[in-house]
């Protein structure tokens, strides 16, 4: 890589980070303002929820790394994943993808690999969210049969995880990249490993929400809160025009968990979870940067980082 191209890349990465931090700050401020006057969890519950969210994020980064089947620097791929989370707060719905693909190339993987891995990772996350959310059909005793059947439809998101079908879903990339797309698609084993890590992430995030909800409303059902949060995340993820699913997720949570007297605690728990998640994202970005600077005795590509 030429010196000029390297400098341009550095400048773009800095601009991406600055823009992401600015818009994350805006979303954080708006979320904080919406939480004023509502019941907020105690510090003990907040710390416990933060630990669960961070554990889920670590699993999500491992899912991203697993899609490259051991190729590239695992630490650099994980850092790219964490840093790219800033992009989801920037209006436009494309900046997380741009950042994650662009920064992952620094890990030593090709443009085709990184470009194809992003939609594959998104599809596995959706499938994992639909899988966990489908449990609401069994655990949502208070819901109508119609709502429980809708939750069960989340299992249909697993269908594209078959590699042969995913080739068709992502076939348009062949026309965009001209060559190498089919070969760049992760193996079936890598797709399933990413799916497994996605389930872990949704369980951890759902458990964090359940913990916060129970701290605000003692009558909340933790068993139903976990799949309800996964379902809300899945629908919010699909609502592309809304940065990070703002507003959409809360509507789904109210529809699945709240009664006329418990809507406020559900909203408060969701807002608290969103604030804690942003803190966790910043912590993991910082952690990944520090880890990159720490020398290791063996080659990074052979380690099992995430």
C-alpha atoms as a PDB file:
ATOM      1  CA  UNK A   1       0.000   0.000   0.000  1.00  0.00           C
ATOM      2  CA  UNK A   2       1.369   3.417  -0.963  1.00  0.00           C
ATOM      3  CA  UNK A   3       2.021   6.053   1.689  1.00  0.00           C
ATOM      4  CA  UNK A   4      -0.673   8.315   0.198  1.00  0.00           C
ATOM      5  CA  UNK A   5      -3.291   5.581   0.213  1.00  0.00           C
ATOM      6  CA  UNK A   6      -2.372   4.661   3.777  1.00  0.00           C
ATOM      7  CA  UNK A   7      -2.780   8.276   4.927  1.00  0.00           C
ATOM      8  CA  UNK A   8      -6.152   8.549   3.197  1.00  0.00           C
ATOM      9  CA  UNK A   9      -7.259   5.385   4.926  1.00  0.00           C
ATOM     10  CA  UNK A  10      -6.137   6.757   8.291  1.00  0.00           C
ATOM     11  CA  UNK A  11      -8.021  10.014   7.701  1.00  0.00           C
ATOM     12  CA  UNK A  12     -11.210   8.168   6.706  1.00  0.00           C
ATOM     13  CA  UNK A  13     -11.018   5.955   9.791  1.00  0.00           C
ATOM     14  CA  UNK A  14     -10.597   8.994  12.024  1.00  0.00           C
ATOM     15  CA  UNK A  15     -13.536  10.756  10.355  1.00  0.00           C
ATOM     16  CA  UNK A  16     -15.649   7.617  10.745  1.00  0.00           C
ATOM     17  CA  UNK A  17     -14.810   7.402  14.438  1.00  0.00           C
ATOM     18  CA  UNK A  18     -15.479  11.087  15.072  1.00  0.00           C
ATOM     19  CA  UNK A  19     -18.811  11.019  13.213  1.00  0.00           C
ATOM     20  CA  UNK A  20     -19.841   7.845  15.000  1.00  0.00           C
ATOM     21  CA  UNK A  21     -19.024   9.270  18.409  1.00  0.00           C
ATOM     22  CA  UNK A  22     -20.916  12.483  17.650  1.00  0.00           C
ATOM     23  CA  UNK A  23     -24.079  10.701  16.546  1.00  0.00           C
ATOM     24  CA  UNK A  24     -23.786   8.160  19.356  1.00  0.00           C
ATOM     25  CA  UNK A  25     -23.628  11.115  21.743  1.00  0.00           C
ATOM     26  CA  UNK A  26     -26.775  12.556  20.158  1.00  0.00           C
ATOM     27  CA  UNK A  27     -28.640   9.252  20.501  1.00  0.00           C
ATOM     28  CA  UNK A  28     -27.362   8.860  24.078  1.00  0.00           C
ATOM     29  CA  UNK A  29     -28.549  12.368  24.986  1.00  0.00           C
ATOM     30  CA  UNK A  30     -31.951  11.786  23.397  1.00  0.00           C
ATOM     31  CA  UNK A  31     -32.309   8.454  25.187  1.00  0.00           C
ATOM     32  CA  UNK A  32     -31.239  10.024  28.473  1.00  0.00           C
ATOM     33  CA  UNK A  33     -33.765  12.837  28.061  1.00  0.00           C
ATOM     34  CA  UNK A  34     -36.517  10.280  27.384  1.00  0.00           C
ATOM     35  CA  UNK A  35     -35.573   8.392  30.560  1.00  0.00           C
ATOM     36  CA  UNK A  36     -35.942  11.419  32.848  1.00  0.00           C
ATOM     37  CA  UNK A  37     -38.822  11.105  35.296  1.00  0.00           C
ATOM     38  CA  UNK A  38     -38.927   7.321  34.933  1.00  0.00           C
ATOM     39  CA  UNK A  39     -37.789   4.689  37.390  1.00  0.00           C
ATOM     40  CA  UNK A  40     -34.148   3.756  36.714  1.00  0.00           C
ATOM     41  CA  UNK A  41     -32.374   0.607  37.979  1.00  0.00           C
ATOM     42  CA  UNK A  42     -29.938   0.666  40.882  1.00  0.00           C
ATOM     43  CA  UNK A  43     -26.198   0.530  40.325  1.00  0.00           C
ATOM     44  CA  UNK A  44     -25.996  -3.156  41.183  1.00  0.00           C
ATOM     45  CA  UNK A  45     -28.527  -4.068  38.506  1.00  0.00           C
ATOM     46  CA  UNK A  46     -26.863  -1.719  36.010  1.00  0.00           C
ATOM     47  CA  UNK A  47     -23.444  -3.309  36.564  1.00  0.00           C
ATOM     48  CA  UNK A  48     -24.905  -6.802  36.231  1.00  0.00           C
ATOM     49  CA  UNK A  49     -26.667  -5.830  33.002  1.00  0.00           C
ATOM     50  CA  UNK A  50     -23.457  -4.253  31.678  1.00  0.00           C
ATOM     51  CA  UNK A  51     -21.551  -7.488  32.301  1.00  0.00           C
ATOM     52  CA  UNK A  52     -24.179  -9.480  30.395  1.00  0.00           C
ATOM     53  CA  UNK A  53     -24.175  -7.026  27.484  1.00  0.00           C
ATOM     54  CA  UNK A  54     -20.377  -7.075  27.227  1.00  0.00           C
ATOM     55  CA  UNK A  55     -20.427 -10.891  27.264  1.00  0.00           C
ATOM     56  CA  UNK A  56     -22.960 -10.794  24.435  1.00  0.00           C
ATOM     57  CA  UNK A  57     -20.871  -8.338  22.428  1.00  0.00           C
ATOM     58  CA  UNK A  58     -17.804 -10.541  22.828  1.00  0.00           C
ATOM     59  CA  UNK A  59     -19.836 -13.424  21.406  1.00  0.00           C
ATOM     60  CA  UNK A  60     -21.005 -11.272  18.503  1.00  0.00           C
ATOM     61  CA  UNK A  61     -17.419 -10.378  17.600  1.00  0.00           C
ATOM     62  CA  UNK A  62     -16.456 -14.059  17.748  1.00  0.00           C
ATOM     63  CA  UNK A  63     -19.268 -14.738  15.319  1.00  0.00           C
ATOM     64  CA  UNK A  64     -17.816 -12.157  12.933  1.00  0.00           C
ATOM     65  CA  UNK A  65     -14.318 -13.608  13.251  1.00  0.00           C
ATOM     66  CA  UNK A  66     -15.578 -17.168  12.712  1.00  0.00           C
ATOM     67  CA  UNK A  67     -16.900 -16.280   9.250  1.00  0.00           C
ATOM     68  CA  UNK A  68     -13.323 -15.978   7.955  1.00  0.00           C
ATOM     69  CA  UNK A  69     -12.402 -19.599   8.809  1.00  0.00           C
ATOM     70  CA  UNK A  70      -9.111 -18.703  10.469  1.00  0.00           C
ATOM     71  CA  UNK A  71      -7.953 -16.227   7.808  1.00  0.00           C
ATOM     72  CA  UNK A  72      -6.726 -12.787   8.776  1.00  0.00           C
ATOM     73  CA  UNK A  73      -5.829 -11.324  12.146  1.00  0.00           C
ATOM     74  CA  UNK A  74      -8.474 -12.217  14.704  1.00  0.00           C
ATOM     75  CA  UNK A  75      -7.642  -9.223  16.890  1.00  0.00           C
ATOM     76  CA  UNK A  76      -7.924  -6.833  13.946  1.00  0.00           C
ATOM     77  CA  UNK A  77     -11.212  -8.391  12.827  1.00  0.00           C
ATOM     78  CA  UNK A  78     -12.639  -8.074  16.341  1.00  0.00           C
ATOM     79  CA  UNK A  79     -11.469  -4.459  16.563  1.00  0.00           C
ATOM     80  CA  UNK A  80     -13.111  -3.700  13.212  1.00  0.00           C
ATOM     81  CA  UNK A  81     -16.364  -5.212  14.449  1.00  0.00           C
ATOM     82  CA  UNK A  82     -16.416  -3.213  17.682  1.00  0.00           C
ATOM     83  CA  UNK A  83     -15.402   0.086  16.068  1.00  0.00           C
ATOM     84  CA  UNK A  84     -17.976  -0.305  13.288  1.00  0.00           C
ATOM     85  CA  UNK A  85     -20.768  -0.321  15.871  1.00  0.00           C
ATOM     86  CA  UNK A  86     -20.429   3.471  15.924  1.00  0.00           C
ATOM     87  CA  UNK A  87     -21.708   3.532  12.344  1.00  0.00           C
ATOM     88  CA  UNK A  88     -25.174   2.290  13.267  1.00  0.00           C
ATOM     89  CA  UNK A  89     -25.868   5.610  14.999  1.00  0.00           C
ATOM     90  CA  UNK A  90     -25.034   7.647  11.890  1.00  0.00           C
ATOM     91  CA  UNK A  91     -28.086   8.391   9.710  1.00  0.00           C
ATOM     92  CA  UNK A  92     -28.069   6.606   6.379  1.00  0.00           C
ATOM     93  CA  UNK A  93     -28.162   2.937   7.438  1.00  0.00           C
ATOM     94  CA  UNK A  94     -24.978   2.078   5.511  1.00  0.00           C
ATOM     95  CA  UNK A  95     -22.151   3.345   7.695  1.00  0.00           C
ATOM     96  CA  UNK A  96     -21.841   0.330   9.962  1.00  0.00           C
ATOM     97  CA  UNK A  97     -21.456  -1.883   6.895  1.00  0.00           C
ATOM     98  CA  UNK A  98     -18.980   0.509   5.275  1.00  0.00           C
ATOM     99  CA  UNK A  99     -16.905   0.719   8.433  1.00  0.00           C
ATOM    100  CA  UNK A 100     -16.977  -2.995   9.251  1.00  0.00           C
ATOM    101  CA  UNK A 101     -16.026  -4.053   5.719  1.00  0.00           C
ATOM    102  CA  UNK A 102     -13.405  -1.342   5.240  1.00  0.00           C
ATOM    103  CA  UNK A 103     -11.673  -1.805   8.592  1.00  0.00           C
ATOM    104  CA  UNK A 104     -11.743  -5.606   8.358  1.00  0.00           C
ATOM    105  CA  UNK A 105      -9.537  -5.393   5.260  1.00  0.00           C
ATOM    106  CA  UNK A 106      -6.745  -4.223   7.556  1.00  0.00           C
ATOM    107  CA  UNK A 107      -6.884  -7.692   9.112  1.00  0.00           C
ATOM    108  CA  UNK A 108      -5.533  -9.233   5.928  1.00  0.00           C
ATOM    109  CA  UNK A 109      -8.757 -10.452   4.307  1.00  0.00           C
ATOM    110  CA  UNK A 110      -9.905  -9.577   0.803  1.00  0.00           C
ATOM    111  CA  UNK A 111     -12.565  -7.048  -0.129  1.00  0.00           C
ATOM    112  CA  UNK A 112     -14.769  -9.867  -1.449  1.00  0.00           C
ATOM    113  CA  UNK A 113     -14.470 -11.816   1.819  1.00  0.00           C
ATOM    114  CA  UNK A 114     -15.294  -8.802   4.002  1.00  0.00           C
ATOM    115  CA  UNK A 115     -18.100  -7.620   1.734  1.00  0.00           C
ATOM    116  CA  UNK A 116     -19.803 -11.009   1.634  1.00  0.00           C
ATOM    117  CA  UNK A 117     -19.218 -11.670   5.346  1.00  0.00           C
ATOM    118  CA  UNK A 118     -21.214  -8.601   6.399  1.00  0.00           C
ATOM    119  CA  UNK A 119     -24.620  -9.645   4.975  1.00  0.00           C
ATOM    120  CA  UNK A 120     -23.938 -13.234   6.081  1.00  0.00           C
ATOM    121  CA  UNK A 121     -23.317 -11.985   9.611  1.00  0.00           C
ATOM    122  CA  UNK A 122     -26.509  -9.906   9.457  1.00  0.00           C
ATOM    123  CA  UNK A 123     -28.546 -12.896   8.268  1.00  0.00           C
ATOM    124  CA  UNK A 124     -27.177 -15.122  11.023  1.00  0.00           C
ATOM    125  CA  UNK A 125     -27.964 -12.452  13.621  1.00  0.00           C
ATOM    126  CA  UNK A 126     -31.505 -12.170  12.312  1.00  0.00           C
ATOM    127  CA  UNK A 127     -31.884 -15.941  12.353  1.00  0.00           C
ATOM    128  CA  UNK A 128     -30.553 -16.111  15.905  1.00  0.00           C
ATOM    129  CA  UNK A 129     -32.892 -13.306  17.007  1.00  0.00           C
ATOM    130  CA  UNK A 130     -35.837 -15.037  15.377  1.00  0.00           C
ATOM    131  CA  UNK A 131     -34.878 -18.321  17.031  1.00  0.00           C
ATOM    132  CA  UNK A 132     -34.670 -16.869  20.538  1.00  0.00           C
ATOM    133  CA  UNK A 133     -37.737 -14.704  19.924  1.00  0.00           C
ATOM    134  CA  UNK A 134     -39.749 -17.749  18.847  1.00  0.00           C
ATOM    135  CA  UNK A 135     -39.543 -19.032  22.425  1.00  0.00           C
ATOM    136  CA  UNK A 136     -42.117 -16.370  23.241  1.00  0.00           C
ATOM    137  CA  UNK A 137     -44.684 -18.676  21.617  1.00  0.00           C
ATOM    138  CA  UNK A 138     -44.154 -21.033  24.565  1.00  0.00           C
ATOM    139  CA  UNK A 139     -43.205 -18.639  27.372  1.00  0.00           C
ATOM    140  CA  UNK A 140     -45.624 -15.810  26.555  1.00  0.00           C
ATOM    141  CA  UNK A 141     -48.592 -17.280  28.408  1.00  0.00           C
ATOM    142  CA  UNK A 142     -50.209 -13.852  28.724  1.00  0.00           C
ATOM    143  CA  UNK A 143     -50.207 -13.221  24.977  1.00  0.00           C
ATOM    144  CA  UNK A 144     -52.913 -14.004  22.464  1.00  0.00           C
ATOM    145  CA  UNK A 145     -52.535 -17.008  20.190  1.00  0.00           C
ATOM    146  CA  UNK A 146     -52.109 -14.684  17.207  1.00  0.00           C
ATOM    147  CA  UNK A 147     -49.145 -12.858  18.763  1.00  0.00           C
ATOM    148  CA  UNK A 148     -47.521 -16.143  19.788  1.00  0.00           C
ATOM    149  CA  UNK A 149     -47.881 -17.461  16.248  1.00  0.00           C
ATOM    150  CA  UNK A 150     -46.239 -14.307  14.889  1.00  0.00           C
ATOM    151  CA  UNK A 151     -43.310 -14.884  17.268  1.00  0.00           C
ATOM    152  CA  UNK A 152     -43.070 -18.461  16.002  1.00  0.00           C
ATOM    153  CA  UNK A 153     -42.597 -17.149  12.459  1.00  0.00           C
ATOM    154  CA  UNK A 154     -39.156 -16.006  13.529  1.00  0.00           C
ATOM    155  CA  UNK A 155     -37.961 -19.564  12.941  1.00  0.00           C
ATOM    156  CA  UNK A 156     -38.380 -18.965   9.201  1.00  0.00           C
ATOM    157  CA  UNK A 157     -35.318 -16.705   9.368  1.00  0.00           C
ATOM    158  CA  UNK A 158     -33.206 -19.836   9.845  1.00  0.00           C
ATOM    159  CA  UNK A 159     -33.911 -21.013   6.286  1.00  0.00           C
ATOM    160  CA  UNK A 160     -31.303 -18.800   4.516  1.00  0.00           C
ATOM    161  CA  UNK A 161     -28.558 -20.258   6.745  1.00  0.00           C
ATOM    162  CA  UNK A 162     -28.226 -23.198   4.392  1.00  0.00           C
ATOM    163  CA  UNK A 163     -25.212 -22.257   2.287  1.00  0.00           C
ATOM    164  CA  UNK A 164     -26.821 -23.202  -1.024  1.00  0.00           C
ATOM    165  CA  UNK A 165     -29.795 -20.947  -0.283  1.00  0.00           C
ATOM    166  CA  UNK A 166     -27.585 -18.155   0.976  1.00  0.00           C
ATOM    167  CA  UNK A 167     -25.805 -18.179  -2.373  1.00  0.00           C
ATOM    168  CA  UNK A 168     -29.132 -17.273  -3.971  1.00  0.00           C
ATOM    169  CA  UNK A 169     -29.980 -14.649  -1.340  1.00  0.00           C
ATOM    170  CA  UNK A 170     -26.627 -12.951  -1.860  1.00  0.00           C
ATOM    171  CA  UNK A 171     -26.433 -13.579  -5.587  1.00  0.00           C
ATOM    172  CA  UNK A 172     -26.589  -9.870  -6.404  1.00  0.00           C
ATOM    173  CA  UNK A 173     -23.105  -9.454  -4.944  1.00  0.00           C
ATOM    174  CA  UNK A 174     -21.694 -11.410  -7.876  1.00  0.00           C
ATOM    175  CA  UNK A 175     -22.762  -8.622 -10.184  1.00  0.00           C
ATOM    176  CA  UNK A 176     -21.303  -5.995  -7.840  1.00  0.00           C
ATOM    177  CA  UNK A 177     -17.937  -7.642  -7.301  1.00  0.00           C
ATOM    178  CA  UNK A 178     -17.716  -9.307 -10.734  1.00  0.00           C
ATOM    179  CA  UNK A 179     -15.681 -12.225  -9.400  1.00  0.00           C
ATOM    180  CA  UNK A 180     -14.762 -14.096  -6.239  1.00  0.00           C
ATOM    181  CA  UNK A 181     -18.163 -13.831  -4.563  1.00  0.00           C
ATOM    182  CA  UNK A 182     -19.038 -17.512  -4.589  1.00  0.00           C
ATOM    183  CA  UNK A 183     -15.603 -18.472  -3.353  1.00  0.00           C
ATOM    184  CA  UNK A 184     -15.726 -15.783  -0.647  1.00  0.00           C
ATOM    185  CA  UNK A 185     -18.947 -17.083   0.908  1.00  0.00           C
ATOM    186  CA  UNK A 186     -18.091 -18.644   4.301  1.00  0.00           C
ATOM    187  CA  UNK A 187     -18.326 -22.390   4.727  1.00  0.00           C
ATOM    188  CA  UNK A 188     -21.459 -24.003   6.127  1.00  0.00           C
ATOM    189  CA  UNK A 189     -19.629 -24.719   9.372  1.00  0.00           C
ATOM    190  CA  UNK A 190     -18.569 -21.071   9.718  1.00  0.00           C
ATOM    191  CA  UNK A 191     -22.158 -19.907   9.091  1.00  0.00           C
ATOM    192  CA  UNK A 192     -23.494 -22.239  11.780  1.00  0.00           C
ATOM    193  CA  UNK A 193     -20.797 -21.185  14.263  1.00  0.00           C
ATOM    194  CA  UNK A 194     -21.729 -17.558  13.670  1.00  0.00           C
ATOM    195  CA  UNK A 195     -25.392 -18.478  14.189  1.00  0.00           C
ATOM    196  CA  UNK A 196     -24.516 -20.145  17.486  1.00  0.00           C
ATOM    197  CA  UNK A 197     -22.661 -17.053  18.692  1.00  0.00           C
ATOM    198  CA  UNK A 198     -25.664 -14.990  17.600  1.00  0.00           C
ATOM    199  CA  UNK A 199     -27.923 -17.045  19.859  1.00  0.00           C
ATOM    200  CA  UNK A 200     -25.463 -16.464  22.719  1.00  0.00           C
ATOM    201  CA  UNK A 201     -25.535 -12.708  22.062  1.00  0.00           C
ATOM    202  CA  UNK A 202     -29.333 -12.532  22.049  1.00  0.00           C
ATOM    203  CA  UNK A 203     -29.581 -14.590  25.235  1.00  0.00           C
ATOM    204  CA  UNK A 204     -27.102 -12.297  27.012  1.00  0.00           C
ATOM    205  CA  UNK A 205     -28.803  -9.117  25.787  1.00  0.00           C
ATOM    206  CA  UNK A 206     -32.224 -10.501  26.682  1.00  0.00           C
ATOM    207  CA  UNK A 207     -30.997 -11.507  30.129  1.00  0.00           C
ATOM    208  CA  UNK A 208     -29.654  -7.977  30.654  1.00  0.00           C
ATOM    209  CA  UNK A 209     -33.038  -6.519  29.739  1.00  0.00           C
ATOM    210  CA  UNK A 210     -34.833  -9.037  31.986  1.00  0.00           C
ATOM    211  CA  UNK A 211     -32.563  -8.043  34.879  1.00  0.00           C
ATOM    212  CA  UNK A 212     -33.260  -4.348  34.360  1.00  0.00           C
ATOM    213  CA  UNK A 213     -37.008  -4.936  33.926  1.00  0.00           C
ATOM    214  CA  UNK A 214     -37.226  -6.993  37.126  1.00  0.00           C
ATOM    215  CA  UNK A 215     -35.359  -4.282  39.054  1.00  0.00           C
ATOM    216  CA  UNK A 216     -37.903  -1.675  37.939  1.00  0.00           C
ATOM    217  CA  UNK A 217     -41.014  -3.840  38.019  1.00  0.00           C
ATOM    218  CA  UNK A 218     -40.900  -6.770  40.434  1.00  0.00           C
ATOM    219  CA  UNK A 219     -43.879  -8.340  38.691  1.00  0.00           C
ATOM    220  CA  UNK A 220     -42.030  -8.681  35.367  1.00  0.00           C
ATOM    221  CA  UNK A 221     -41.487 -12.203  34.031  1.00  0.00           C
ATOM    222  CA  UNK A 222     -37.786 -12.813  33.274  1.00  0.00           C
ATOM    223  CA  UNK A 223     -38.611 -15.955  31.280  1.00  0.00           C
ATOM    224  CA  UNK A 224     -40.796 -14.018  28.838  1.00  0.00           C
ATOM    225  CA  UNK A 225     -38.581 -10.912  28.830  1.00  0.00           C
ATOM    226  CA  UNK A 226     -35.612 -12.683  27.220  1.00  0.00           C
ATOM    227  CA  UNK A 227     -37.381 -13.877  24.032  1.00  0.00           C
ATOM    228  CA  UNK A 228     -39.480 -10.689  23.924  1.00  0.00           C
ATOM    229  CA  UNK A 229     -36.321  -8.607  23.792  1.00  0.00           C
ATOM    230  CA  UNK A 230     -34.835 -10.825  21.061  1.00  0.00           C
ATOM    231  CA  UNK A 231     -38.017 -10.447  19.018  1.00  0.00           C
ATOM    232  CA  UNK A 232     -38.023  -6.672  19.544  1.00  0.00           C
ATOM    233  CA  UNK A 233     -34.364  -6.460  18.500  1.00  0.00           C
ATOM    234  CA  UNK A 234     -35.041  -8.488  15.351  1.00  0.00           C
ATOM    235  CA  UNK A 235     -37.924  -6.275  14.272  1.00  0.00           C
ATOM    236  CA  UNK A 236     -35.950  -3.146  15.174  1.00  0.00           C
ATOM    237  CA  UNK A 237     -33.010  -4.392  13.105  1.00  0.00           C
ATOM    238  CA  UNK A 238     -35.273  -4.842  10.111  1.00  0.00           C
ATOM    239  CA  UNK A 239     -36.565  -1.268  10.547  1.00  0.00           C
ATOM    240  CA  UNK A 240     -33.594   0.124   8.592  1.00  0.00           C
ATOM    241  CA  UNK A 241     -34.622   3.831   8.510  1.00  0.00           C
ATOM    242  CA  UNK A 242     -34.530   3.995  12.327  1.00  0.00           C
ATOM    243  CA  UNK A 243     -30.960   4.329  13.714  1.00  0.00           C
ATOM    244  CA  UNK A 244     -30.337   1.273  15.926  1.00  0.00           C
ATOM    245  CA  UNK A 245     -34.089   0.551  15.939  1.00  0.00           C
ATOM    246  CA  UNK A 246     -34.883   3.579  18.089  1.00  0.00           C
ATOM    247  CA  UNK A 247     -38.576   3.598  18.992  1.00  0.00           C
ATOM    248  CA  UNK A 248     -39.443   0.393  17.139  1.00  0.00           C
ATOM    249  CA  UNK A 249     -37.975  -1.895  19.769  1.00  0.00           C
ATOM    250  CA  UNK A 250     -39.920  -0.175  22.541  1.00  0.00           C
ATOM    251  CA  UNK A 251     -43.199  -0.583  20.629  1.00  0.00           C
ATOM    252  CA  UNK A 252     -42.639  -4.325  20.280  1.00  0.00           C
ATOM    253  CA  UNK A 253     -41.703  -4.678  23.942  1.00  0.00           C
ATOM    254  CA  UNK A 254     -44.851  -2.846  25.009  1.00  0.00           C
ATOM    255  CA  UNK A 255     -46.949  -5.076  22.750  1.00  0.00           C
ATOM    256  CA  UNK A 256     -45.432  -8.275  24.135  1.00  0.00           C
ATOM    257  CA  UNK A 257     -44.727  -7.476  27.783  1.00  0.00           C
ATOM    258  CA  UNK A 258     -46.716  -4.485  28.993  1.00  0.00           C
ATOM    259  CA  UNK A 259     -50.242  -4.034  30.223  1.00  0.00           C
ATOM    260  CA  UNK A 260     -51.906  -0.664  30.630  1.00  0.00           C
ATOM    261  CA  UNK A 261     -50.300  -0.354  34.065  1.00  0.00           C
ATOM    262  CA  UNK A 262     -46.813  -1.652  33.236  1.00  0.00           C
ATOM    263  CA  UNK A 263     -45.922   0.150  30.001  1.00  0.00           C
ATOM    264  CA  UNK A 264     -43.822   2.778  31.794  1.00  0.00           C
ATOM    265  CA  UNK A 265     -41.492   0.250  33.521  1.00  0.00           C
ATOM    266  CA  UNK A 266     -40.992  -1.626  30.239  1.00  0.00           C
ATOM    267  CA  UNK A 267     -40.029   1.587  28.446  1.00  0.00           C
ATOM    268  CA  UNK A 268     -37.738   2.567  31.332  1.00  0.00           C
ATOM    269  CA  UNK A 269     -35.974  -0.807  31.237  1.00  0.00           C
ATOM    270  CA  UNK A 270     -35.526  -0.566  27.460  1.00  0.00           C
ATOM    271  CA  UNK A 271     -34.101   2.946  27.666  1.00  0.00           C
ATOM    272  CA  UNK A 272     -31.760   1.929  30.487  1.00  0.00           C
ATOM    273  CA  UNK A 273     -30.616  -1.069  28.448  1.00  0.00           C
ATOM    274  CA  UNK A 274     -29.933   1.151  25.437  1.00  0.00           C
ATOM    275  CA  UNK A 275     -27.819   3.543  27.529  1.00  0.00           C
ATOM    276  CA  UNK A 276     -25.876   0.681  29.115  1.00  0.00           C
ATOM    277  CA  UNK A 277     -25.305  -0.897  25.692  1.00  0.00           C
ATOM    278  CA  UNK A 278     -23.708   2.279  24.359  1.00  0.00           C
ATOM    279  CA  UNK A 279     -21.371   2.379  27.360  1.00  0.00           C
ATOM    280  CA  UNK A 280     -20.492  -1.266  26.705  1.00  0.00           C
ATOM    281  CA  UNK A 281     -19.774  -0.568  23.037  1.00  0.00           C
ATOM    282  CA  UNK A 282     -17.358   2.210  23.919  1.00  0.00           C
ATOM    283  CA  UNK A 283     -15.685  -0.032  26.508  1.00  0.00           C
ATOM    284  CA  UNK A 284     -15.192  -2.833  23.984  1.00  0.00           C
ATOM    285  CA  UNK A 285     -13.797  -0.413  21.376  1.00  0.00           C
ATOM    286  CA  UNK A 286     -11.258   0.787  23.926  1.00  0.00           C
ATOM    287  CA  UNK A 287     -10.489  -2.773  25.032  1.00  0.00           C
ATOM    288  CA  UNK A 288      -9.874  -3.932  21.455  1.00  0.00           C
ATOM    289  CA  UNK A 289      -7.531  -1.005  20.809  1.00  0.00           C
ATOM    290  CA  UNK A 290      -5.526  -1.702  23.968  1.00  0.00           C
ATOM    291  CA  UNK A 291      -5.349  -5.418  23.179  1.00  0.00           C
ATOM    292  CA  UNK A 292      -3.905  -4.653  19.738  1.00  0.00           C
ATOM    293  CA  UNK A 293      -1.071  -2.746  21.364  1.00  0.00           C
ATOM    294  CA  UNK A 294      -0.210  -5.568  23.788  1.00  0.00           C
ATOM    295  CA  UNK A 295       2.437  -7.891  22.258  1.00  0.00           C
ATOM    296  CA  UNK A 296       1.737 -11.614  22.252  1.00  0.00           C
ATOM    297  CA  UNK A 297       4.129 -14.542  22.186  1.00  0.00           C
ATOM    298  CA  UNK A 298       2.399 -16.273  19.316  1.00  0.00           C
ATOM    299  CA  UNK A 299       0.947 -15.229  15.983  1.00  0.00           C
ATOM    300  CA  UNK A 300      -2.406 -13.468  16.326  1.00  0.00           C
ATOM    301  CA  UNK A 301      -3.978 -15.531  13.577  1.00  0.00           C
ATOM    302  CA  UNK A 302      -3.582 -18.702  15.642  1.00  0.00           C
ATOM    303  CA  UNK A 303      -5.164 -17.317  18.794  1.00  0.00           C
ATOM    304  CA  UNK A 304      -8.815 -17.564  19.759  1.00  0.00           C
ATOM    305  CA  UNK A 305      -9.626 -13.949  20.374  1.00  0.00           C
ATOM    306  CA  UNK A 306     -12.996 -12.324  20.026  1.00  0.00           C
END
